[in-house]
Amino acid sequence: MREEYDFTNGKKNPYVKKLKKQITINLDTDIIDYFKGQSETSGIPYQTLINLYLSDCAAQKKQLQVSWR
């Protein structure tokens, strides 16, 4: 292995803007159970499914419509 490497002509990571940040969020158990069920059907981890759903909402600029029942 070399002592030094030259990265002056290296390419930047194209996914650097897509890095994820770990957070803590409180979700109702029925929401978690729903996504876990979807996970079993699709084979995609439930946290990834939640992220995909929220990403889709953000991309479509969906407005929240809250109604208290």
C-alpha atoms as a PDB file:
ATOM      1  CA  MET A   1       0.000   0.000   0.000  1.00  0.00           C
ATOM      2  CA  ARG A   2       1.231   3.502  -0.812  1.00  0.00           C
ATOM      3  CA  GLU A   3       1.948   6.027   1.889  1.00  0.00           C
ATOM      4  CA  GLU A   4       0.049   8.731  -0.039  1.00  0.00           C
ATOM      5  CA  TYR A   5      -2.590   8.797  -2.749  1.00  0.00           C
ATOM      6  CA  ASP A   6      -3.397  11.567  -5.231  1.00  0.00           C
ATOM      7  CA  PHE A   7      -7.129  12.319  -5.438  1.00  0.00           C
ATOM      8  CA  THR A   8      -6.867  15.611  -7.361  1.00  0.00           C
ATOM      9  CA  ASN A   9      -8.424  14.015 -10.462  1.00  0.00           C
ATOM     10  CA  GLY A  10     -10.914  11.898  -8.517  1.00  0.00           C
ATOM     11  CA  LYS A  11     -14.652  12.016  -9.094  1.00  0.00           C
ATOM     12  CA  LYS A  12     -17.028  13.337  -6.454  1.00  0.00           C
ATOM     13  CA  ASN A  13     -19.590  10.980  -4.975  1.00  0.00           C
ATOM     14  CA  PRO A  14     -22.818  11.491  -7.000  1.00  0.00           C
ATOM     15  CA  TYR A  15     -24.884  10.219  -4.058  1.00  0.00           C
ATOM     16  CA  VAL A  16     -23.545  12.674  -1.489  1.00  0.00           C
ATOM     17  CA  LYS A  17     -26.834  14.624  -1.505  1.00  0.00           C
ATOM     18  CA  LYS A  18     -28.767  11.399  -0.872  1.00  0.00           C
ATOM     19  CA  LEU A  19     -27.106  10.608   2.450  1.00  0.00           C
ATOM     20  CA  LYS A  20     -29.501   9.611   5.185  1.00  0.00           C
ATOM     21  CA  LYS A  21     -29.707  11.027   8.667  1.00  0.00           C
ATOM     22  CA  GLN A  22     -30.755   8.882  11.583  1.00  0.00           C
ATOM     23  CA  ILE A  23     -33.533  10.368  13.704  1.00  0.00           C
ATOM     24  CA  THR A  24     -35.940   9.234  16.378  1.00  0.00           C
ATOM     25  CA  ILE A  25     -39.633   9.413  15.546  1.00  0.00           C
ATOM     26  CA  ASN A  26     -42.698   8.287  17.453  1.00  0.00           C
ATOM     27  CA  LEU A  27     -45.165   6.336  15.309  1.00  0.00           C
ATOM     28  CA  ASP A  28     -48.374   4.603  16.277  1.00  0.00           C
ATOM     29  CA  THR A  29     -48.037   0.834  16.526  1.00  0.00           C
ATOM     30  CA  ASP A  30     -50.720   0.284  13.880  1.00  0.00           C
ATOM     31  CA  ILE A  31     -48.659   2.363  11.414  1.00  0.00           C
ATOM     32  CA  ILE A  32     -45.564   0.286  12.113  1.00  0.00           C
ATOM     33  CA  ASP A  33     -47.574  -2.937  11.808  1.00  0.00           C
ATOM     34  CA  TYR A  34     -48.982  -1.761   8.470  1.00  0.00           C
ATOM     35  CA  PHE A  35     -45.538  -1.100   7.005  1.00  0.00           C
ATOM     36  CA  LYS A  36     -44.167  -4.344   8.456  1.00  0.00           C
ATOM     37  CA  GLY A  37     -46.990  -6.183   6.678  1.00  0.00           C
ATOM     38  CA  GLN A  38     -46.151  -4.391   3.450  1.00  0.00           C
ATOM     39  CA  SER A  39     -42.527  -5.347   4.056  1.00  0.00           C
ATOM     40  CA  GLU A  40     -43.376  -9.050   4.249  1.00  0.00           C
ATOM     41  CA  THR A  41     -45.301  -8.809   0.974  1.00  0.00           C
ATOM     42  CA  SER A  42     -42.711  -6.775  -0.925  1.00  0.00           C
ATOM     43  CA  GLY A  43     -39.479  -8.054   0.640  1.00  0.00           C
ATOM     44  CA  ILE A  44     -38.378  -4.452   1.252  1.00  0.00           C
ATOM     45  CA  PRO A  45     -37.445  -3.495   4.834  1.00  0.00           C
ATOM     46  CA  TYR A  46     -40.265  -1.568   6.529  1.00  0.00           C
ATOM     47  CA  GLN A  47     -38.065   1.430   7.360  1.00  0.00           C
ATOM     48  CA  THR A  48     -37.153   1.695   3.678  1.00  0.00           C
ATOM     49  CA  LEU A  49     -40.843   1.566   2.772  1.00  0.00           C
ATOM     50  CA  ILE A  50     -41.622   4.383   5.193  1.00  0.00           C
ATOM     51  CA  ASN A  51     -38.765   6.407   3.702  1.00  0.00           C
ATOM     52  CA  LEU A  52     -39.985   5.723   0.156  1.00  0.00           C
ATOM     53  CA  TYR A  53     -43.513   6.780   1.052  1.00  0.00           C
ATOM     54  CA  LEU A  54     -42.362  10.004   2.705  1.00  0.00           C
ATOM     55  CA  SER A  55     -40.009  10.717  -0.213  1.00  0.00           C
ATOM     56  CA  ASP A  56     -42.914  10.298  -2.630  1.00  0.00           C
ATOM     57  CA  CYS A  57     -45.053  12.692  -0.556  1.00  0.00           C
ATOM     58  CA  ALA A  58     -42.264  15.274  -0.580  1.00  0.00           C
ATOM     59  CA  ALA A  59     -41.572  14.854  -4.313  1.00  0.00           C
ATOM     60  CA  GLN A  60     -45.253  15.374  -5.127  1.00  0.00           C
ATOM     61  CA  LYS A  61     -45.437  18.245  -2.636  1.00  0.00           C
ATOM     62  CA  LYS A  62     -48.504  16.704  -1.040  1.00  0.00           C
ATOM     63  CA  GLN A  63     -50.251  19.009   1.385  1.00  0.00           C
ATOM     64  CA  LEU A  64     -51.326  17.560   4.708  1.00  0.00           C
ATOM     65  CA  GLN A  65     -55.032  17.411   5.284  1.00  0.00           C
ATOM     66  CA  VAL A  66     -55.681  16.762   8.938  1.00  0.00           C
ATOM     67  CA  SER A  67     -59.163  15.997  10.177  1.00  0.00           C
ATOM     68  CA  TRP A  68     -59.917  15.026  13.746  1.00  0.00           C
ATOM     69  CA  ARG A  69     -62.537  12.307  13.949  1.00  0.00           C
END
